[in-house]
Amino acid sequence: ALQSQRRALPAKQTRLVDGGHRCAGTVEVSYHGVRMTVCDYGWDLHDAHVVCRELGCFEALNATVSAHFGERTDSILNREFQCTGEESLLADCTSVFLEDNYCSLGKEAGVICSGTGSAHFPGAYRMESSKEAGLTVHLAGGAGPCSGRVEVGYRGDWTPVSDQNFTSPTAQVICAEL
């Protein structure tokens, strides 16, 4: 890592691609007018929460790495984002320039967000078209059908949901989905 920088990206230039839904996919940004994927080096739930918040998709269920949604052929942004999780935009996060050997194709970061806020019910959140997105949620390894480790399924792959920043509203959304 070489140097830290604030405001590495122009505001509101983040989107998710290849996830089949606007709230799940590989993180793509516009950097100096070029669309690029984000490197997964240091990618965590703090970064993913910011992306979900920026896109109106509530909070992150998972911060994916290693091109979880498929390897892209476009450029990858050689920056490690160091979000606190409180920022409104990915562009507001501190980022560190990385040497070329840290980031390569197949090292794309992604997110799976829990849903979107409803303008009609301020503070109320729901899963949005999770079935359309091809996402499923289940509990694994529990003593019964209502306990266990939360896992999100996408295209036949099951990924455990990190307990980092796991909140009661997240649990409520997941229980409602089950």
Protein backbone atom coordinates (compact mmCIF):
# COMPACT_ATOMS: atom_id res chain seq x y z
CA ALA A 1 0.00 0.00 0.00
CA LEU A 2 1.37 3.41 -0.91
CA GLN A 3 -0.82 6.36 -0.01
CA SER A 4 -4.14 7.11 1.62
CA GLN A 5 -6.66 9.35 -0.11
CA ARG A 6 -10.09 10.76 0.71
CA ARG A 7 -12.64 11.21 -2.06
CA ALA A 8 -11.05 8.76 -4.48
CA LEU A 9 -14.28 8.56 -6.49
CA PRO A 10 -16.80 11.09 -7.71
CA ALA A 11 -20.01 10.96 -5.66
CA LYS A 12 -22.75 8.52 -6.69
CA GLN A 13 -20.72 6.55 -9.20
CA THR A 14 -21.21 3.13 -7.59
CA ARG A 15 -23.43 0.31 -8.86
CA LEU A 16 -23.76 -3.47 -8.58
CA VAL A 17 -23.53 -5.68 -11.66
CA ASP A 18 -23.96 -9.37 -12.53
CA GLY A 19 -26.03 -10.15 -9.43
CA GLY A 20 -29.40 -10.30 -11.19
CA HIS A 21 -30.71 -7.58 -8.87
CA ARG A 22 -29.80 -3.99 -8.10
CA CYS A 23 -29.04 -4.92 -4.45
CA ALA A 24 -26.59 -7.77 -5.13
CA GLY A 25 -23.57 -8.09 -7.35
CA THR A 26 -20.00 -7.12 -8.13
CA VAL A 27 -19.17 -3.55 -7.07
CA GLU A 28 -18.46 -1.34 -10.05
CA VAL A 29 -17.40 2.31 -9.90
CA SER A 30 -16.69 5.09 -12.35
CA TYR A 31 -13.10 6.27 -11.90
CA HIS A 32 -11.96 9.14 -14.13
CA GLY A 33 -14.80 8.26 -16.51
CA VAL A 34 -13.88 4.56 -16.78
CA ARG A 35 -16.10 1.80 -15.33
CA MET A 36 -14.01 -0.45 -13.09
CA THR A 37 -14.64 -3.21 -10.57
CA VAL A 38 -13.43 -2.80 -6.99
CA CYS A 39 -10.52 -4.89 -5.70
CA ASP A 40 -11.40 -7.30 -2.88
CA TYR A 41 -8.17 -6.65 -0.96
CA GLY A 42 -9.29 -5.70 2.57
CA TRP A 43 -12.96 -5.73 1.48
CA ASP A 44 -15.23 -6.24 4.49
CA LEU A 45 -18.73 -5.61 5.83
CA HIS A 46 -17.90 -1.98 6.70
CA ASP A 47 -17.25 -1.32 3.00
CA ALA A 48 -20.26 -3.38 1.91
CA HIS A 49 -22.61 -1.55 4.32
CA VAL A 50 -21.63 1.75 2.73
CA VAL A 51 -22.33 0.44 -0.79
CA CYS A 52 -25.74 -0.92 0.27
CA ARG A 53 -26.62 2.36 1.99
CA GLU A 54 -25.51 4.39 -1.05
CA LEU A 55 -27.73 2.32 -3.34
CA GLY A 56 -30.77 2.40 -1.02
CA CYS A 57 -30.47 -1.32 -0.29
CA PHE A 58 -30.47 -1.10 3.55
CA GLU A 59 -27.47 -3.02 4.92
CA ALA A 60 -25.05 -5.69 3.78
CA LEU A 61 -25.70 -9.34 4.51
CA ASN A 62 -22.37 -10.30 2.99
CA ALA A 63 -19.21 -8.74 1.60
CA THR A 64 -18.16 -11.13 -1.17
CA VAL A 65 -14.64 -11.64 -2.52
CA SER A 66 -12.88 -13.62 -5.25
CA ALA A 67 -15.35 -12.68 -8.00
CA HIS A 68 -18.30 -14.35 -6.24
CA PHE A 69 -20.67 -13.11 -8.99
CA GLY A 70 -18.35 -14.12 -11.82
CA GLU A 71 -15.04 -12.88 -13.11
CA ARG A 72 -15.19 -9.66 -15.09
CA THR A 73 -13.02 -8.77 -18.07
CA ASP A 74 -12.87 -5.03 -17.47
CA SER A 75 -10.36 -3.08 -15.39
CA ILE A 76 -10.04 -3.43 -11.63
CA LEU A 77 -9.48 -0.41 -9.38
CA ASN A 78 -6.24 -0.84 -7.40
CA ARG A 79 -7.51 0.69 -4.18
CA GLU A 80 -8.25 -0.75 -0.77
CA PHE A 81 -11.31 0.93 0.71
CA GLN A 82 -11.16 1.53 4.46
CA CYS A 83 -14.72 2.49 5.30
CA THR A 84 -15.85 2.81 8.90
CA GLY A 85 -19.34 1.72 7.87
CA GLU A 86 -20.82 5.12 8.76
CA GLU A 87 -20.17 6.86 5.43
CA SER A 88 -23.05 7.63 3.06
CA LEU A 89 -21.07 6.98 -0.14
CA LEU A 90 -18.18 4.72 -1.09
CA ALA A 91 -16.57 7.92 -2.39
CA ASP A 92 -16.48 9.23 1.20
CA CYS A 93 -14.35 6.33 2.45
CA THR A 94 -10.61 6.60 2.87
CA SER A 95 -8.84 4.49 0.27
CA VAL A 96 -5.28 3.31 -0.16
CA PHE A 97 -3.54 2.87 -3.53
CA LEU A 98 -2.35 -0.72 -3.99
CA GLU A 99 0.51 -2.14 -6.02
CA ASP A 100 -0.61 -4.01 -9.17
CA ASN A 101 0.15 -7.43 -7.67
CA TYR A 102 -2.59 -7.04 -5.01
CA CYS A 103 -5.44 -6.79 -7.50
CA SER A 104 -6.10 -8.80 -10.62
CA LEU A 105 -9.09 -10.14 -12.48
CA GLY A 106 -10.82 -12.70 -10.31
CA LYS A 107 -10.25 -10.52 -7.22
CA GLU A 108 -13.44 -8.46 -7.57
CA ALA A 109 -15.40 -7.34 -4.51
CA GLY A 110 -19.16 -7.71 -4.26
CA VAL A 111 -22.06 -7.32 -1.87
CA ILE A 112 -25.36 -8.93 -1.03
CA CYS A 113 -27.64 -6.35 0.55
CA SER A 114 -30.67 -7.08 2.72
CA GLY A 115 -33.22 -5.01 0.80
CA THR A 116 -34.46 -1.45 0.45
CA GLY A 117 -36.08 1.17 2.62
CA SER A 118 -39.70 1.97 1.91
CA ALA A 119 -40.64 5.62 1.40
CA HIS A 120 -44.17 4.78 2.58
CA PHE A 121 -42.98 3.31 5.88
CA PRO A 122 -39.98 5.32 7.12
CA GLY A 123 -37.62 3.08 9.05
CA ALA A 124 -39.29 -0.10 7.73
CA TYR A 125 -37.22 -2.43 5.59
CA ARG A 126 -38.00 -5.56 3.64
CA MET A 127 -36.34 -8.06 1.35
CA GLU A 128 -36.87 -6.79 -2.18
CA SER A 129 -37.48 -9.43 -4.83
CA SER A 130 -34.96 -11.84 -3.35
CA LYS A 131 -36.44 -14.67 -5.41
CA GLU A 132 -36.12 -12.61 -8.62
CA ALA A 133 -32.49 -11.98 -7.72
CA GLY A 134 -31.93 -15.71 -7.32
CA LEU A 135 -31.08 -15.24 -3.64
CA THR A 136 -32.31 -17.61 -0.97
CA VAL A 137 -31.69 -17.62 2.76
CA HIS A 138 -31.62 -20.59 5.11
CA LEU A 139 -30.37 -21.61 8.53
CA ALA A 140 -27.73 -24.34 8.72
CA GLY A 141 -26.36 -26.39 11.61
CA GLY A 142 -29.03 -25.42 14.12
CA ALA A 143 -30.91 -27.56 16.63
CA GLY A 144 -34.19 -26.96 14.80
CA PRO A 145 -35.77 -25.21 11.82
CA CYS A 146 -35.66 -21.77 13.49
CA SER A 147 -32.05 -21.70 14.65
CA GLY A 148 -28.62 -21.96 13.12
CA ARG A 149 -26.04 -20.16 11.03
CA VAL A 150 -27.53 -17.80 8.43
CA GLU A 151 -26.46 -18.62 4.89
CA VAL A 152 -27.32 -16.86 1.63
CA GLY A 153 -27.61 -18.97 -1.51
CA TYR A 154 -26.84 -17.70 -4.99
CA ARG A 155 -26.58 -19.87 -8.11
CA GLY A 156 -26.24 -23.02 -6.00
CA ASP A 157 -23.45 -21.68 -3.75
CA TRP A 158 -24.14 -21.12 -0.05
CA THR A 159 -22.19 -18.43 1.78
CA PRO A 160 -22.36 -17.92 5.56
CA VAL A 161 -23.38 -14.42 6.61
CA SER A 162 -20.75 -12.70 8.74
CA ASP A 163 -21.73 -11.82 12.30
CA GLN A 164 -19.73 -8.60 12.09
CA ASN A 165 -22.21 -5.73 12.56
CA PHE A 166 -25.11 -8.23 12.58
CA THR A 167 -28.05 -6.30 14.03
CA SER A 168 -31.50 -7.06 15.35
CA PRO A 169 -33.14 -5.44 12.27
CA THR A 170 -31.03 -7.74 10.07
CA ALA A 171 -32.26 -10.76 12.03
CA GLN A 172 -35.86 -9.55 11.72
CA VAL A 173 -35.55 -9.22 7.94
CA ILE A 174 -34.05 -12.71 7.69
CA CYS A 175 -36.68 -14.29 9.95
CA ALA A 176 -39.44 -12.65 7.90
CA GLU A 177 -37.84 -14.06 4.73
CA LEU A 178 -37.81 -17.58 6.18
